[in-house]
Amino acid sequence: YELDYGATICEDGSLNNCCEYINPLQLSFGNVDLENGTMEILIVIPEYEDILDYVYGFQFNVEGVTLIGGSGGLAAAADFTVSTGGNTILGFSFNGDYIGQNEGVLTTLSFSSNLNTACMELGTGGFANGYNPPSYIPVQIGDCYDF
């Protein structure tokens, strides 16, 4: 019997079968309109093996701004309710809908600027999959935006 130190032992005892996320989600800033106080949040969602691996909810922060609301984009197309408070954004579907493989605007945020730079961070949140209980999908966050 030889122990493989590179293997991941999954909850069901199998090796490496629970490592679904080879490619993380990618988040970045899109068009930012200071005059109108809007910023696009762009997302790239790679193809995953199971629909339960996709985005069923999200929560993250945009440091340096006060968020007023979120609308449109892939979140609206998936019937997500998007709410903001302070610098936190939260999105999910009451119907259990999800955002699958895609690339584009996740949502457009309305904001007022507090600082000269806006940076996204997960804080206490993340991007949740559809498993019960859900777990977080790895996320790669792009550069900050300088006003």
C-alpha atoms as a PDB file:
ATOM      1  CA  TYR A   1       0.000   0.000   0.000  1.00  0.00           C
ATOM      2  CA  GLU A   2       1.452   3.343  -1.067  1.00  0.00           C
ATOM      3  CA  LEU A   3       0.203   6.688   0.208  1.00  0.00           C
ATOM      4  CA  ASP A   4      -0.192   9.405  -2.412  1.00  0.00           C
ATOM      5  CA  TYR A   5       0.553  12.726  -0.705  1.00  0.00           C
ATOM      6  CA  GLY A   6      -0.715  14.632  -3.745  1.00  0.00           C
ATOM      7  CA  ALA A   7      -4.210  13.152  -3.586  1.00  0.00           C
ATOM      8  CA  THR A   8      -7.177  14.830  -1.965  1.00  0.00           C
ATOM      9  CA  ILE A   9      -9.330  12.480   0.092  1.00  0.00           C
ATOM     10  CA  CYS A  10     -12.976  13.433  -0.397  1.00  0.00           C
ATOM     11  CA  GLU A  11     -15.820  13.064   2.100  1.00  0.00           C
ATOM     12  CA  ASP A  12     -16.972   9.867   0.385  1.00  0.00           C
ATOM     13  CA  GLY A  13     -13.474   8.346   0.737  1.00  0.00           C
ATOM     14  CA  SER A  14     -12.622   8.606  -2.969  1.00  0.00           C
ATOM     15  CA  LEU A  15      -9.494  10.350  -4.168  1.00  0.00           C
ATOM     16  CA  ASN A  16      -9.602  13.635  -6.121  1.00  0.00           C
ATOM     17  CA  ASN A  17     -13.275  13.309  -7.159  1.00  0.00           C
ATOM     18  CA  CYS A  18     -14.386  16.273  -5.071  1.00  0.00           C
ATOM     19  CA  CYS A  19     -12.044  18.802  -6.691  1.00  0.00           C
ATOM     20  CA  GLU A  20     -14.540  20.201  -9.180  1.00  0.00           C
ATOM     21  CA  TYR A  21     -13.212  23.741  -9.528  1.00  0.00           C
ATOM     22  CA  ILE A  22     -10.111  23.728 -11.673  1.00  0.00           C
ATOM     23  CA  ASN A  23     -10.882  27.209 -13.034  1.00  0.00           C
ATOM     24  CA  PRO A  24     -12.020  29.978 -10.651  1.00  0.00           C
ATOM     25  CA  LEU A  25     -14.626  32.598 -11.421  1.00  0.00           C
ATOM     26  CA  GLN A  26     -13.099  35.900 -12.507  1.00  0.00           C
ATOM     27  CA  LEU A  27     -14.411  39.258 -11.271  1.00  0.00           C
ATOM     28  CA  SER A  28     -13.317  42.665 -12.537  1.00  0.00           C
ATOM     29  CA  PHE A  29     -14.522  46.220 -13.050  1.00  0.00           C
ATOM     30  CA  GLY A  30     -16.116  47.095 -16.383  1.00  0.00           C
ATOM     31  CA  ASN A  31     -17.301  50.539 -17.442  1.00  0.00           C
ATOM     32  CA  VAL A  32     -17.315  53.039 -14.559  1.00  0.00           C
ATOM     33  CA  ASP A  33     -19.318  56.241 -15.066  1.00  0.00           C
ATOM     34  CA  LEU A  34     -18.469  58.760 -12.355  1.00  0.00           C
ATOM     35  CA  GLU A  35     -20.956  61.334 -13.666  1.00  0.00           C
ATOM     36  CA  ASN A  36     -23.890  58.937 -13.292  1.00  0.00           C
ATOM     37  CA  GLY A  37     -22.416  56.963 -10.385  1.00  0.00           C
ATOM     38  CA  THR A  38     -22.560  53.532 -12.022  1.00  0.00           C
ATOM     39  CA  MET A  39     -20.034  50.718 -12.309  1.00  0.00           C
ATOM     40  CA  GLU A  40     -20.253  47.434 -14.148  1.00  0.00           C
ATOM     41  CA  ILE A  41     -19.047  44.322 -12.358  1.00  0.00           C
ATOM     42  CA  LEU A  42     -17.785  41.857 -14.961  1.00  0.00           C
ATOM     43  CA  ILE A  43     -17.697  38.098 -14.421  1.00  0.00           C
ATOM     44  CA  VAL A  44     -16.294  35.138 -16.311  1.00  0.00           C
ATOM     45  CA  ILE A  45     -17.876  31.814 -15.343  1.00  0.00           C
ATOM     46  CA  PRO A  46     -16.027  28.810 -16.812  1.00  0.00           C
ATOM     47  CA  GLU A  47     -17.781  25.616 -17.835  1.00  0.00           C
ATOM     48  CA  TYR A  48     -18.220  23.268 -14.877  1.00  0.00           C
ATOM     49  CA  GLU A  49     -19.314  19.625 -14.847  1.00  0.00           C
ATOM     50  CA  ASP A  50     -22.588  19.890 -12.923  1.00  0.00           C
ATOM     51  CA  ILE A  51     -25.261  22.608 -12.808  1.00  0.00           C
ATOM     52  CA  LEU A  52     -24.942  22.574  -9.014  1.00  0.00           C
ATOM     53  CA  ASP A  53     -21.361  23.845  -9.437  1.00  0.00           C
ATOM     54  CA  TYR A  54     -22.559  27.198 -10.839  1.00  0.00           C
ATOM     55  CA  VAL A  55     -23.485  30.480  -9.122  1.00  0.00           C
ATOM     56  CA  TYR A  56     -26.628  30.235  -6.975  1.00  0.00           C
ATOM     57  CA  GLY A  57     -25.820  33.295  -4.871  1.00  0.00           C
ATOM     58  CA  PHE A  58     -23.130  35.844  -4.193  1.00  0.00           C
ATOM     59  CA  GLN A  59     -22.016  38.354  -1.605  1.00  0.00           C
ATOM     60  CA  PHE A  60     -18.977  40.596  -1.842  1.00  0.00           C
ATOM     61  CA  ASN A  61     -17.777  44.089  -0.959  1.00  0.00           C
ATOM     62  CA  VAL A  62     -16.623  47.041  -3.015  1.00  0.00           C
ATOM     63  CA  GLU A  63     -14.303  48.967  -0.711  1.00  0.00           C
ATOM     64  CA  GLY A  64     -14.020  52.722  -1.255  1.00  0.00           C
ATOM     65  CA  VAL A  65     -17.635  53.338  -2.304  1.00  0.00           C
ATOM     66  CA  THR A  66     -21.118  53.424  -0.813  1.00  0.00           C
ATOM     67  CA  LEU A  67     -23.428  51.204  -2.857  1.00  0.00           C
ATOM     68  CA  ILE A  68     -26.926  52.451  -3.616  1.00  0.00           C
ATOM     69  CA  GLY A  69     -28.250  49.525  -5.656  1.00  0.00           C
ATOM     70  CA  GLY A  70     -27.599  46.879  -8.276  1.00  0.00           C
ATOM     71  CA  SER A  71     -29.495  46.059 -11.454  1.00  0.00           C
ATOM     72  CA  GLY A  72     -29.310  44.375 -14.835  1.00  0.00           C
ATOM     73  CA  GLY A  73     -26.708  42.003 -16.159  1.00  0.00           C
ATOM     74  CA  LEU A  74     -26.506  38.250 -15.793  1.00  0.00           C
ATOM     75  CA  ALA A  75     -27.923  38.471 -12.257  1.00  0.00           C
ATOM     76  CA  ALA A  76     -31.155  40.060 -13.544  1.00  0.00           C
ATOM     77  CA  ALA A  77     -31.331  37.610 -16.458  1.00  0.00           C
ATOM     78  CA  ALA A  78     -31.186  34.734 -13.930  1.00  0.00           C
ATOM     79  CA  ASP A  79     -33.991  36.335 -11.884  1.00  0.00           C
ATOM     80  CA  PHE A  80     -31.663  37.164  -8.986  1.00  0.00           C
ATOM     81  CA  THR A  81     -32.696  39.684  -6.358  1.00  0.00           C
ATOM     82  CA  VAL A  82     -29.769  42.067  -5.871  1.00  0.00           C
ATOM     83  CA  SER A  83     -29.517  44.136  -2.694  1.00  0.00           C
ATOM     84  CA  THR A  84     -26.868  46.493  -1.391  1.00  0.00           C
ATOM     85  CA  GLY A  85     -26.027  47.943   1.995  1.00  0.00           C
ATOM     86  CA  GLY A  86     -23.017  50.115   2.714  1.00  0.00           C
ATOM     87  CA  ASN A  87     -20.292  48.613   0.550  1.00  0.00           C
ATOM     88  CA  THR A  88     -21.786  45.076   0.406  1.00  0.00           C
ATOM     89  CA  ILE A  89     -23.730  43.538  -2.458  1.00  0.00           C
ATOM     90  CA  LEU A  90     -25.857  40.407  -2.118  1.00  0.00           C
ATOM     91  CA  GLY A  91     -27.551  38.496  -4.923  1.00  0.00           C
ATOM     92  CA  PHE A  92     -29.576  35.279  -5.101  1.00  0.00           C
ATOM     93  CA  SER A  93     -32.732  33.832  -6.606  1.00  0.00           C
ATOM     94  CA  PHE A  94     -35.825  33.089  -4.526  1.00  0.00           C
ATOM     95  CA  ASN A  95     -36.696  30.500  -7.224  1.00  0.00           C
ATOM     96  CA  GLY A  96     -33.427  28.589  -6.999  1.00  0.00           C
ATOM     97  CA  ASP A  97     -32.236  29.849 -10.387  1.00  0.00           C
ATOM     98  CA  TYR A  98     -28.513  30.006 -11.120  1.00  0.00           C
ATOM     99  CA  ILE A  99     -26.026  31.745 -13.391  1.00  0.00           C
ATOM    100  CA  GLY A 100     -24.309  29.151 -15.584  1.00  0.00           C
ATOM    101  CA  GLN A 101     -21.298  29.319 -17.871  1.00  0.00           C
ATOM    102  CA  ASN A 102     -21.145  32.862 -19.183  1.00  0.00           C
ATOM    103  CA  GLU A 103     -19.080  35.990 -19.562  1.00  0.00           C
ATOM    104  CA  GLY A 104     -20.291  39.573 -19.231  1.00  0.00           C
ATOM    105  CA  VAL A 105     -21.788  42.056 -16.806  1.00  0.00           C
ATOM    106  CA  LEU A 106     -22.823  40.372 -13.536  1.00  0.00           C
ATOM    107  CA  THR A 107     -24.666  43.519 -12.433  1.00  0.00           C
ATOM    108  CA  THR A 108     -24.403  47.291 -12.695  1.00  0.00           C
ATOM    109  CA  LEU A 109     -23.956  48.991  -9.332  1.00  0.00           C
ATOM    110  CA  SER A 110     -25.112  52.478  -8.447  1.00  0.00           C
ATOM    111  CA  PHE A 111     -22.688  54.122  -6.035  1.00  0.00           C
ATOM    112  CA  SER A 112     -21.307  57.239  -4.452  1.00  0.00           C
ATOM    113  CA  SER A 113     -17.563  57.491  -4.155  1.00  0.00           C
ATOM    114  CA  ASN A 114     -15.877  57.816  -0.773  1.00  0.00           C
ATOM    115  CA  LEU A 115     -12.254  57.414  -1.823  1.00  0.00           C
ATOM    116  CA  ASN A 116     -10.081  57.615  -4.938  1.00  0.00           C
ATOM    117  CA  THR A 117      -9.982  53.843  -5.391  1.00  0.00           C
ATOM    118  CA  ALA A 118     -12.583  51.068  -5.468  1.00  0.00           C
ATOM    119  CA  CYS A 119     -11.511  47.484  -4.711  1.00  0.00           C
ATOM    120  CA  MET A 120     -13.554  44.299  -4.711  1.00  0.00           C
ATOM    121  CA  GLU A 121     -13.081  41.772  -1.915  1.00  0.00           C
ATOM    122  CA  LEU A 122     -15.088  38.794  -0.716  1.00  0.00           C
ATOM    123  CA  GLY A 123     -15.028  39.852   2.943  1.00  0.00           C
ATOM    124  CA  THR A 124     -17.276  37.427   4.831  1.00  0.00           C
ATOM    125  CA  GLY A 125     -19.101  36.482   1.622  1.00  0.00           C
ATOM    126  CA  GLY A 126     -18.384  34.559  -1.547  1.00  0.00           C
ATOM    127  CA  PHE A 127     -19.985  32.940  -4.577  1.00  0.00           C
ATOM    128  CA  ALA A 128     -22.113  29.966  -3.489  1.00  0.00           C
ATOM    129  CA  ASN A 129     -22.900  26.862  -5.505  1.00  0.00           C
ATOM    130  CA  GLY A 130     -26.168  24.912  -5.438  1.00  0.00           C
ATOM    131  CA  TYR A 131     -25.188  22.044  -3.155  1.00  0.00           C
ATOM    132  CA  ASN A 132     -26.881  21.452   0.197  1.00  0.00           C
ATOM    133  CA  PRO A 133     -25.178  22.823   2.161  1.00  0.00           C
ATOM    134  CA  PRO A 134     -23.633  25.193  -0.388  1.00  0.00           C
ATOM    135  CA  SER A 135     -19.908  25.766  -0.579  1.00  0.00           C
ATOM    136  CA  TYR A 136     -17.952  28.644  -2.066  1.00  0.00           C
ATOM    137  CA  ILE A 137     -16.622  28.696  -5.613  1.00  0.00           C
ATOM    138  CA  PRO A 138     -13.017  29.950  -5.941  1.00  0.00           C
ATOM    139  CA  VAL A 139     -12.891  33.555  -7.204  1.00  0.00           C
ATOM    140  CA  GLN A 140     -10.064  35.480  -8.820  1.00  0.00           C
ATOM    141  CA  ILE A 141     -10.522  39.241  -8.337  1.00  0.00           C
ATOM    142  CA  GLY A 142      -9.044  41.750 -10.772  1.00  0.00           C
ATOM    143  CA  ASP A 143      -7.265  45.010 -10.067  1.00  0.00           C
ATOM    144  CA  CYS A 144      -8.764  47.915  -8.127  1.00  0.00           C
ATOM    145  CA  TYR A 145     -10.289  50.835 -10.030  1.00  0.00           C
ATOM    146  CA  ASP A 146      -8.696  54.265  -9.616  1.00  0.00           C
ATOM    147  CA  PHE A 147     -11.070  57.206 -10.017  1.00  0.00           C
END
